[in-house]
Amino acid sequence: MQHDVFGQKTCVTRPETLTEWNAALLGFLAHSAVTPKHLMAVLQAEPGFALGHAVKGLFYLLLGRRELVAVAEDDLAAARKALSEGHADERDRQFVEALAAWLQGYPSRSVQHLEQVLRRHPEDALAMKLSHAIRFVLGDGTGMRRSVERVLPAYAPDHPGHGYLLGCHAFALEETGDYERAEIAGRQALWTAPDDAWGLHAVAHVHDMTGNARAGLKWLAGRENAWAHCNNFRYHVWWHKALLHLDQGENDAVIELYDSEIRKDRTDDYRDISNATSLLMRLELEGVDVADRWQELADLSAARTQDGCLIFADLHYLMALTAERRKAEIATLMRRMQRDATTAAPDEFEQRMARPGLDAAEGVRAFGEARYGAAFAHLVRAREAMQLAGGSHAQRDVFERMTIDAGLRAGRLDDAERILKERQALRAGTEDGYTAVRRDLISIARGESGAESVPAQ
């Protein structure tokens, strides 16, 4: 039996297939655009490779698209057929069960199967990264950190996945508020694996969360090669750069990045749409005219109203639809979310649709309709559980900003100020550009002496 690049036994039989499999493994860790090509080459050469089918199915589910669920189900059938024919071991079987669990609506059980692999094979970087990716979708920063730190001792400096593991550790540290260690780990990750865009972006997260935008821009400058090879994750790194410019009030630079990089290819991947919608919303909250940029996002979102794969995706589709006042599509999306949230025997996603999904959606819709009192009430109710919607602190911050701004516009100054302080505490107690402007707005609204006037955006 052959071994893969991480030292794990593999059921592929041909040397050339192993080469393709290793390329797929390393590509996955690096968020490489060529990863699917290598994986398809493996399955075409050896269609009885159970682990390959399981991984492909999990990759499709991570894309959060309803039409790909059937493809993942086909992969599960192919993987189980391979298992029945004896073309797998116990490790492979756990990956297959991880796919089955997610298809049943329980991604947290998928994580449990992957963690079972890591208990016996802590140096298995494929299981490590998949567990990390699914926990990210679930908004489980604490779990990400716990998982990575359990396996850290198994990774010698010459382990091919060592740098990527450090990148995952950096991100998990950042999401759990350990910003100093996160920056150190992220820098080490990129030094060890120069194509580790995840580690690079973890450091950008640190600078965003600590209100140090200028340092963040300096960190990203000249390191474009670290994410140029990426799949759509490259748009997300450009999004981070745009956020840093936004914090500096450099709105022209934000718009230029939006047009030239973030929406360069106008894809309908939910992650790309979330980058774009959340950035346009942030700009509009600062009084920036974004022209007709909402239109293409609303057109794409109108086709995704029946997805229901991820709350995070649904909320950003809704954001685009409300910006363009697409009443029919908004109603369709809201009805579907309500139906999902009231299922008799809800799975994990349906439970999260009920809380925080429905209140968050009602808040987004009310905000778009300028019903700021209602928007504030709903967004505040969603706020305590908002992490369950998935994504990172930086990604969910658009909902924090909408909550605070809804409170200000509804005249709820004390409540808005309280949330602003809680947001600042999460961000290492530092004052970013958003916080500084809102503090001035609150002071002006109260008529406090010495309050600086806020220039028109």
Protein backbone atom coordinates (compact mmCIF):
# COMPACT_ATOMS: atom_id res chain seq x y z
CA MET A 1 0.00 0.00 0.00
CA GLN A 2 1.23 3.48 -0.88
CA HIS A 3 1.43 6.51 1.41
CA ASP A 4 0.39 10.04 0.62
CA VAL A 5 2.44 13.19 1.10
CA PHE A 6 1.38 13.37 4.77
CA GLY A 7 2.43 9.78 5.47
CA GLN A 8 -1.10 8.34 5.45
CA LYS A 9 -1.88 4.99 3.87
CA THR A 10 -3.86 5.36 0.67
CA CYS A 11 -5.83 2.93 -1.45
CA VAL A 12 -4.79 4.45 -4.77
CA THR A 13 -2.73 1.89 -6.65
CA ARG A 14 -0.92 3.74 -9.44
CA PRO A 15 2.11 5.99 -8.89
CA GLU A 16 0.73 8.61 -11.29
CA THR A 17 -2.58 8.66 -9.39
CA LEU A 18 -0.71 9.17 -6.12
CA THR A 19 1.03 12.17 -7.68
CA GLU A 20 -2.33 13.67 -8.57
CA TRP A 21 -3.74 12.87 -5.12
CA ASN A 22 -0.81 14.55 -3.38
CA ALA A 23 -1.28 17.60 -5.60
CA ALA A 24 -4.97 17.70 -4.63
CA LEU A 25 -4.10 17.46 -0.92
CA LEU A 26 -1.54 20.24 -1.01
CA GLY A 27 -3.80 22.30 -3.26
CA PHE A 28 -6.64 22.04 -0.77
CA LEU A 29 -4.43 23.31 2.03
CA ALA A 30 -3.29 26.22 -0.14
CA HIS A 31 -6.79 27.06 -1.45
CA SER A 32 -5.40 26.46 -4.92
CA ALA A 33 -7.57 26.94 -8.01
CA VAL A 34 -6.18 23.73 -9.55
CA THR A 35 -7.28 21.44 -6.71
CA PRO A 36 -10.47 20.18 -8.45
CA LYS A 37 -8.50 19.30 -11.58
CA HIS A 38 -6.16 17.06 -9.61
CA LEU A 39 -9.00 15.45 -7.67
CA MET A 40 -10.97 14.70 -10.83
CA ALA A 41 -7.86 13.14 -12.38
CA VAL A 42 -7.61 10.84 -9.36
CA LEU A 43 -11.24 9.71 -9.59
CA GLN A 44 -11.12 9.23 -13.33
CA ALA A 45 -8.06 7.01 -12.98
CA GLU A 46 -9.33 5.10 -9.95
CA PRO A 47 -13.13 5.42 -9.61
CA GLY A 48 -13.15 2.94 -6.72
CA PHE A 49 -11.26 5.34 -4.43
CA ALA A 50 -13.68 5.80 -1.53
CA LEU A 51 -11.73 8.56 0.19
CA GLY A 52 -11.54 10.58 -3.02
CA HIS A 53 -15.31 10.45 -3.47
CA ALA A 54 -15.90 11.39 0.18
CA VAL A 55 -13.57 14.37 -0.06
CA LYS A 56 -15.15 15.51 -3.32
CA GLY A 57 -18.61 15.36 -1.73
CA LEU A 58 -17.45 17.38 1.27
CA PHE A 59 -15.86 19.94 -1.05
CA TYR A 60 -19.20 20.36 -2.83
CA LEU A 61 -21.10 20.81 0.42
CA LEU A 62 -18.67 23.50 1.50
CA LEU A 63 -19.76 25.48 -1.58
CA GLY A 64 -23.23 25.96 -0.04
CA ARG A 65 -25.27 25.47 -3.22
CA ARG A 66 -28.53 23.51 -3.28
CA GLU A 67 -27.92 22.00 -6.72
CA LEU A 68 -24.62 20.48 -5.55
CA VAL A 69 -26.24 18.47 -2.76
CA ALA A 70 -27.34 15.87 -5.34
CA VAL A 71 -23.76 15.66 -6.60
CA ALA A 72 -22.52 15.08 -3.06
CA GLU A 73 -25.15 12.37 -2.64
CA ASP A 74 -23.81 10.66 -5.76
CA ASP A 75 -20.33 10.84 -4.26
CA LEU A 76 -21.60 9.24 -1.06
CA ALA A 77 -23.13 6.41 -3.08
CA ALA A 78 -19.86 5.90 -4.99
CA ALA A 79 -17.86 5.98 -1.76
CA ARG A 80 -20.11 3.43 -0.08
CA LYS A 81 -19.91 1.16 -3.10
CA ALA A 82 -16.11 1.29 -2.85
CA LEU A 83 -16.33 0.49 0.85
CA SER A 84 -18.51 -2.54 0.15
CA GLU A 85 -15.93 -3.78 -2.34
CA GLY A 86 -13.17 -3.54 0.25
CA HIS A 87 -11.32 -0.62 -1.36
CA ALA A 88 -10.81 1.33 1.88
CA ASP A 89 -9.62 1.21 5.46
CA GLU A 90 -11.08 2.55 8.73
CA ARG A 91 -9.66 6.02 8.12
CA ASP A 92 -11.39 6.20 4.74
CA ARG A 93 -14.61 4.96 6.33
CA GLN A 94 -14.61 7.87 8.79
CA PHE A 95 -14.38 10.37 5.91
CA VAL A 96 -17.30 8.66 4.20
CA GLU A 97 -19.35 8.86 7.40
CA ALA A 98 -18.42 12.54 7.71
CA LEU A 99 -19.98 13.15 4.30
CA ALA A 100 -23.07 11.14 5.24
CA ALA A 101 -23.55 13.09 8.46
CA TRP A 102 -23.50 16.44 6.69
CA LEU A 103 -25.95 15.21 4.06
CA GLN A 104 -28.25 14.23 6.93
CA GLY A 105 -28.09 17.85 8.14
CA TYR A 106 -25.57 17.42 10.94
CA PRO A 107 -22.19 18.94 10.00
CA SER A 108 -21.11 18.91 13.65
CA ARG A 109 -21.23 15.11 13.43
CA SER A 110 -19.05 15.34 10.33
CA VAL A 111 -16.51 17.11 12.50
CA GLN A 112 -16.73 14.32 15.08
CA HIS A 113 -15.85 11.73 12.43
CA LEU A 114 -12.90 13.80 11.28
CA GLU A 115 -11.74 14.27 14.85
CA GLN A 116 -11.92 10.50 15.25
CA VAL A 117 -9.43 10.27 12.38
CA LEU A 118 -7.20 12.86 14.02
CA ARG A 119 -7.15 10.97 17.31
CA ARG A 120 -5.49 8.06 15.52
CA HIS A 121 -3.69 10.07 12.86
CA PRO A 122 -2.96 13.55 14.25
CA GLU A 123 -0.54 14.25 11.40
CA ASP A 124 -3.33 13.81 8.81
CA ALA A 125 -3.45 17.36 7.41
CA LEU A 126 -6.45 16.55 5.19
CA ALA A 127 -8.64 15.69 8.19
CA MET A 128 -7.24 18.69 10.08
CA LYS A 129 -8.10 21.17 7.32
CA LEU A 130 -11.55 19.69 6.65
CA SER A 131 -12.43 19.82 10.34
CA HIS A 132 -11.22 23.42 10.40
CA ALA A 133 -13.26 24.32 7.30
CA ILE A 134 -16.50 22.81 8.59
CA ARG A 135 -16.08 24.40 12.00
CA PHE A 136 -15.62 27.73 10.21
CA VAL A 137 -18.97 27.26 8.46
CA LEU A 138 -20.47 26.56 11.89
CA GLY A 139 -18.86 29.64 13.46
CA ASP A 140 -16.99 27.43 15.95
CA GLY A 141 -13.81 29.37 16.63
CA THR A 142 -13.19 27.66 19.96
CA GLY A 143 -13.50 24.26 18.32
CA MET A 144 -11.11 25.26 15.55
CA ARG A 145 -8.50 26.25 18.09
CA ARG A 146 -8.99 23.17 20.25
CA SER A 147 -8.70 20.86 17.23
CA VAL A 148 -5.53 22.45 15.87
CA GLU A 149 -3.81 22.64 19.24
CA ARG A 150 -4.47 18.94 19.88
CA VAL A 151 -2.52 17.94 16.78
CA LEU A 152 0.24 20.58 16.83
CA PRO A 153 2.78 18.33 18.59
CA ALA A 154 2.51 15.76 15.78
CA TYR A 155 3.81 18.18 13.13
CA ALA A 156 7.57 18.27 12.85
CA PRO A 157 9.03 21.31 11.05
CA ASP A 158 9.58 19.18 7.93
CA HIS A 159 6.00 17.90 7.79
CA PRO A 160 4.58 19.04 4.41
CA GLY A 161 1.48 20.39 6.14
CA HIS A 162 3.29 22.20 8.95
CA GLY A 163 3.01 25.71 7.52
CA TYR A 164 -0.65 25.26 6.67
CA LEU A 165 -1.36 23.97 10.18
CA LEU A 166 0.25 27.13 11.55
CA GLY A 167 -2.02 29.16 9.29
CA CYS A 168 -5.07 27.40 10.71
CA HIS A 169 -3.75 27.95 14.21
CA ALA A 170 -3.25 31.64 13.47
CA PHE A 171 -6.84 32.01 12.31
CA ALA A 172 -8.22 30.09 15.29
CA LEU A 173 -6.17 32.21 17.68
CA GLU A 174 -7.49 35.38 16.06
CA GLU A 175 -11.10 34.21 16.22
CA THR A 176 -10.68 33.47 19.94
CA GLY A 177 -9.15 36.88 20.65
CA ASP A 178 -5.50 35.89 21.10
CA TYR A 179 -4.30 38.51 18.65
CA GLU A 180 -0.61 38.69 19.52
CA ARG A 181 -0.05 34.96 19.20
CA ALA A 182 -2.22 34.88 16.07
CA GLU A 183 0.00 37.37 14.28
CA ILE A 184 3.14 35.46 15.23
CA ALA A 185 1.66 32.15 14.05
CA GLY A 186 0.41 33.67 10.79
CA ARG A 187 3.80 35.14 9.97
CA GLN A 188 5.46 31.79 10.73
CA ALA A 189 2.90 30.04 8.53
CA LEU A 190 3.71 32.18 5.51
CA TRP A 191 7.43 31.86 6.11
CA THR A 192 7.07 28.05 6.21
CA ALA A 193 4.53 27.76 3.36
CA PRO A 194 4.79 30.82 1.07
CA ASP A 195 1.50 29.95 -0.65
CA ASP A 196 -0.49 29.74 2.61
CA ALA A 197 -3.09 32.38 1.83
CA TRP A 198 -5.09 31.31 4.90
CA GLY A 199 -2.26 32.19 7.26
CA LEU A 200 -1.59 35.43 5.43
CA HIS A 201 -5.24 36.41 5.70
CA ALA A 202 -5.26 35.50 9.41
CA VAL A 203 -2.70 38.25 9.99
CA ALA A 204 -4.90 40.66 8.02
CA HIS A 205 -7.73 39.67 10.38
CA VAL A 206 -5.54 40.56 13.36
CA HIS A 207 -4.84 44.05 12.01
CA ASP A 208 -8.54 44.56 11.30
CA MET A 209 -9.60 43.41 14.76
CA THR A 210 -6.95 45.53 16.51
CA GLY A 211 -7.71 48.71 14.57
CA ASN A 212 -4.32 48.82 12.91
CA ALA A 213 -5.33 49.26 9.28
CA ARG A 214 -2.09 50.91 8.18
CA ALA A 215 -0.04 47.95 9.44
CA GLY A 216 -2.48 45.59 7.73
CA LEU A 217 -2.03 47.31 4.38
CA LYS A 218 1.73 47.18 4.85
CA TRP A 219 1.48 43.45 5.61
CA LEU A 220 -0.43 42.70 2.41
CA ALA A 221 1.64 45.00 0.17
CA GLY A 222 3.97 43.04 -2.09
CA ARG A 223 2.66 39.66 -0.96
CA GLU A 224 0.14 39.22 -3.78
CA ASN A 225 1.86 36.01 -4.92
CA ALA A 226 0.72 34.39 -1.68
CA TRP A 227 -2.88 34.48 -2.91
CA ALA A 228 -2.61 34.82 -6.70
CA HIS A 229 -2.81 31.01 -7.08
CA CYS A 230 -6.03 30.76 -5.09
CA ASN A 231 -9.52 29.79 -6.09
CA ASN A 232 -12.19 32.35 -5.24
CA PHE A 233 -10.47 32.83 -1.88
CA ARG A 234 -8.29 35.39 -3.66
CA TYR A 235 -11.30 37.70 -3.90
CA HIS A 236 -11.68 37.43 -0.14
CA VAL A 237 -8.09 38.51 0.49
CA TRP A 238 -8.65 41.54 -1.74
CA TRP A 239 -11.81 42.16 0.32
CA HIS A 240 -9.67 42.30 3.45
CA LYS A 241 -7.42 44.87 1.81
CA ALA A 242 -10.51 46.92 0.93
CA LEU A 243 -11.69 46.79 4.57
CA LEU A 244 -8.36 48.17 5.70
CA HIS A 245 -8.64 51.04 3.22
CA LEU A 246 -12.21 51.66 4.37
CA ASP A 247 -11.05 52.02 7.96
CA GLN A 248 -8.66 54.73 6.77
CA GLY A 249 -11.45 56.57 4.99
CA GLU A 250 -9.84 55.79 1.62
CA ASN A 251 -13.13 55.15 -0.12
CA ASP A 252 -11.84 55.63 -3.66
CA ALA A 253 -9.33 52.83 -3.06
CA VAL A 254 -12.16 50.61 -1.78
CA ILE A 255 -14.26 51.20 -4.89
CA GLU A 256 -11.27 50.58 -7.15
CA LEU A 257 -10.54 47.24 -5.45
CA TYR A 258 -14.22 46.31 -5.62
CA ASP A 259 -14.31 46.80 -9.39
CA SER A 260 -10.85 45.53 -10.30
CA GLU A 261 -10.48 42.54 -7.96
CA ILE A 262 -13.38 41.71 -5.63
CA ARG A 263 -16.04 41.64 -8.38
CA LYS A 264 -13.65 41.22 -11.27
CA ASP A 265 -15.27 37.97 -12.41
CA ARG A 266 -18.84 38.52 -11.14
CA THR A 267 -19.29 34.96 -9.93
CA ASP A 268 -22.37 33.75 -8.06
CA ASP A 269 -20.46 31.85 -5.37
CA TYR A 270 -22.05 32.78 -2.04
CA ARG A 271 -18.67 33.69 -0.56
CA ASP A 272 -18.00 36.14 -3.37
CA ILE A 273 -21.49 37.62 -3.06
CA SER A 274 -21.02 37.98 0.70
CA ASN A 275 -17.72 39.81 0.13
CA ALA A 276 -19.41 42.21 -2.25
CA THR A 277 -22.70 42.81 -0.44
CA SER A 278 -21.10 43.35 2.94
CA LEU A 279 -18.57 45.76 1.46
CA LEU A 280 -21.23 47.79 -0.36
CA MET A 281 -23.28 47.93 2.83
CA ARG A 282 -20.29 49.19 4.80
CA LEU A 283 -19.71 51.86 2.16
CA GLU A 284 -23.33 52.97 2.23
CA LEU A 285 -23.27 53.17 6.03
CA GLU A 286 -20.43 55.65 5.58
CA GLY A 287 -22.50 57.68 3.16
CA VAL A 288 -20.70 56.56 0.00
CA ASP A 289 -22.69 56.40 -3.24
CA VAL A 290 -22.07 52.92 -4.71
CA ALA A 291 -23.95 53.74 -7.95
CA ASP A 292 -25.55 50.72 -9.63
CA ARG A 293 -23.26 48.07 -8.11
CA TRP A 294 -26.08 46.45 -6.15
CA GLN A 295 -27.94 45.47 -9.30
CA GLU A 296 -25.79 42.57 -10.47
CA LEU A 297 -25.66 41.19 -6.92
CA ALA A 298 -29.44 41.35 -6.63
CA ASP A 299 -29.83 39.63 -10.00
CA LEU A 300 -27.59 36.77 -8.85
CA SER A 301 -29.20 36.60 -5.41
CA ALA A 302 -32.67 36.39 -6.93
CA ALA A 303 -31.69 33.00 -8.36
CA ARG A 304 -30.58 31.68 -4.94
CA THR A 305 -33.72 32.27 -2.85
CA GLN A 306 -34.44 28.53 -2.54
CA ASP A 307 -30.92 27.44 -1.52
CA GLY A 308 -31.23 27.23 2.25
CA CYS A 309 -27.83 25.57 2.59
CA LEU A 310 -26.28 28.21 4.85
CA ILE A 311 -27.82 31.04 6.87
CA PHE A 312 -24.72 33.13 6.19
CA ALA A 313 -25.39 32.89 2.45
CA ASP A 314 -29.12 33.59 2.76
CA LEU A 315 -28.53 36.77 4.78
CA HIS A 316 -26.18 38.20 2.18
CA TYR A 317 -28.56 37.32 -0.67
CA LEU A 318 -31.23 39.14 1.30
CA MET A 319 -28.96 42.14 1.78
CA ALA A 320 -28.58 42.50 -1.99
CA LEU A 321 -32.29 42.02 -2.63
CA THR A 322 -33.29 44.63 -0.07
CA ALA A 323 -30.78 47.11 -1.45
CA GLU A 324 -32.52 46.83 -4.84
CA ARG A 325 -36.01 46.60 -3.32
CA ARG A 326 -36.78 43.30 -5.02
CA LYS A 327 -40.04 42.78 -3.13
CA ALA A 328 -41.13 39.54 -4.80
CA GLU A 329 -37.78 37.83 -4.32
CA ILE A 330 -37.49 39.12 -0.76
CA ALA A 331 -40.90 37.62 0.03
CA THR A 332 -39.89 34.30 -1.56
CA LEU A 333 -36.66 34.11 0.41
CA MET A 334 -38.33 35.05 3.67
CA ARG A 335 -41.07 32.44 3.18
CA ARG A 336 -38.50 29.76 2.56
CA MET A 337 -36.49 30.76 5.62
CA GLN A 338 -39.67 30.71 7.73
CA ARG A 339 -40.53 27.26 6.40
CA ASP A 340 -37.05 25.95 7.17
CA ALA A 341 -37.13 27.42 10.66
CA THR A 342 -40.42 25.76 11.58
CA THR A 343 -39.67 22.21 10.42
CA ALA A 344 -41.11 19.64 12.84
CA ALA A 345 -37.83 17.78 13.33
CA PRO A 346 -35.19 20.40 12.51
CA ASP A 347 -31.64 19.50 11.60
CA GLU A 348 -28.73 21.71 12.63
CA PHE A 349 -29.13 24.18 9.79
CA GLU A 350 -32.87 24.51 10.39
CA GLN A 351 -32.26 25.11 14.09
CA ARG A 352 -29.89 27.91 13.20
CA MET A 353 -32.39 29.26 10.70
CA ALA A 354 -34.79 29.66 13.62
CA ARG A 355 -32.12 31.32 15.76
CA PRO A 356 -30.46 33.60 14.78
CA GLY A 357 -31.56 33.34 11.15
CA LEU A 358 -35.11 34.67 11.21
CA ASP A 359 -34.46 37.66 13.44
CA ALA A 360 -31.33 38.56 11.47
CA ALA A 361 -33.29 38.33 8.22
CA GLU A 362 -36.15 40.45 9.56
CA GLY A 363 -33.60 42.97 10.75
CA VAL A 364 -31.88 43.16 7.38
CA ARG A 365 -35.22 43.55 5.61
CA ALA A 366 -36.42 46.26 8.00
CA PHE A 367 -33.13 48.13 7.65
CA GLY A 368 -33.48 48.13 3.87
CA GLU A 369 -36.99 49.53 4.24
CA ALA A 370 -35.76 52.30 6.60
CA ARG A 371 -37.79 50.86 9.51
CA TYR A 372 -34.90 51.38 11.87
CA GLY A 373 -36.69 50.73 15.16
CA ALA A 374 -37.83 47.32 13.93
CA ALA A 375 -34.43 46.63 12.39
CA PHE A 376 -32.71 47.38 15.68
CA ALA A 377 -35.10 45.19 17.67
CA HIS A 378 -34.65 42.19 15.38
CA LEU A 379 -30.88 42.56 14.97
CA VAL A 380 -30.40 42.87 18.73
CA ARG A 381 -32.38 39.66 19.27
CA ALA A 382 -30.24 37.88 16.68
CA ARG A 383 -27.01 39.31 18.00
CA GLU A 384 -26.32 36.95 20.92
CA ALA A 385 -26.48 33.89 18.65
CA MET A 386 -25.08 35.50 15.51
CA GLN A 387 -21.90 33.43 15.62
CA LEU A 388 -24.05 30.40 14.79
CA ALA A 389 -24.60 31.91 11.33
CA GLY A 390 -20.97 31.04 10.57
CA GLY A 391 -18.14 33.05 9.11
CA SER A 392 -15.59 35.14 10.97
CA HIS A 393 -15.81 38.10 13.31
CA ALA A 394 -14.78 40.36 10.44
CA GLN A 395 -17.49 38.97 8.18
CA ARG A 396 -20.23 39.19 10.80
CA ASP A 397 -19.19 42.74 11.68
CA VAL A 398 -21.43 44.08 8.92
CA PHE A 399 -24.40 42.98 11.03
CA GLU A 400 -22.89 44.68 14.10
CA ARG A 401 -22.56 47.89 12.10
CA MET A 402 -26.11 47.64 10.84
CA THR A 403 -27.35 47.05 14.39
CA ILE A 404 -25.51 50.07 15.76
CA ASP A 405 -26.54 52.31 12.87
CA ALA A 406 -30.16 51.17 13.14
CA GLY A 407 -30.06 52.10 16.82
CA LEU A 408 -28.63 55.53 16.04
CA ARG A 409 -31.22 56.20 13.34
CA ALA A 410 -34.00 55.04 15.65
CA GLY A 411 -32.80 57.38 18.40
CA ARG A 412 -31.72 54.51 20.66
CA LEU A 413 -28.47 56.29 21.57
CA ASP A 414 -27.76 54.57 24.89
CA ASP A 415 -28.37 51.11 23.44
CA ALA A 416 -26.32 51.85 20.35
CA GLU A 417 -23.47 53.16 22.49
CA ARG A 418 -23.55 50.02 24.64
CA ILE A 419 -23.24 47.77 21.60
CA LEU A 420 -20.51 50.00 20.20
CA LYS A 421 -18.55 49.52 23.43
CA GLU A 422 -19.08 45.75 23.32
CA ARG A 423 -17.87 45.71 19.73
CA GLN A 424 -14.78 47.68 20.73
CA ALA A 425 -14.04 45.29 23.61
CA LEU A 426 -14.07 42.35 21.17
CA ARG A 427 -11.60 44.23 19.01
CA ALA A 428 -8.89 44.39 21.68
CA GLY A 429 -10.33 47.61 23.08
CA THR A 430 -8.99 49.62 20.14
CA GLU A 431 -10.92 52.34 18.37
CA ASP A 432 -11.19 51.86 14.63
CA GLY A 433 -12.48 54.39 12.14
CA TYR A 434 -16.06 53.16 12.41
CA THR A 435 -16.08 53.48 16.20
CA ALA A 436 -14.57 56.97 16.17
CA VAL A 437 -17.20 58.31 13.77
CA ARG A 438 -20.11 56.73 15.68
CA ARG A 439 -18.88 58.12 18.98
CA ASP A 440 -18.89 61.59 17.44
CA LEU A 441 -22.37 61.03 16.02
CA ILE A 442 -23.67 60.01 19.43
CA SER A 443 -22.09 63.06 21.04
CA ILE A 444 -23.57 65.36 18.42
CA ALA A 445 -27.01 63.78 18.81
CA ARG A 446 -26.81 64.40 22.56
CA GLY A 447 -25.65 67.95 22.02
CA GLU A 448 -22.54 67.40 24.09
CA SER A 449 -20.06 70.25 24.13
CA GLY A 450 -16.71 69.65 22.50
CA ALA A 451 -18.10 67.09 20.05
CA GLU A 452 -16.36 67.30 16.71
CA SER A 453 -18.51 67.77 13.67
CA VAL A 454 -18.52 64.78 11.36
CA PRO A 455 -17.71 65.68 7.75
CA ALA A 456 -20.14 64.58 5.07
CA GLN A 457 -19.04 61.41 3.33
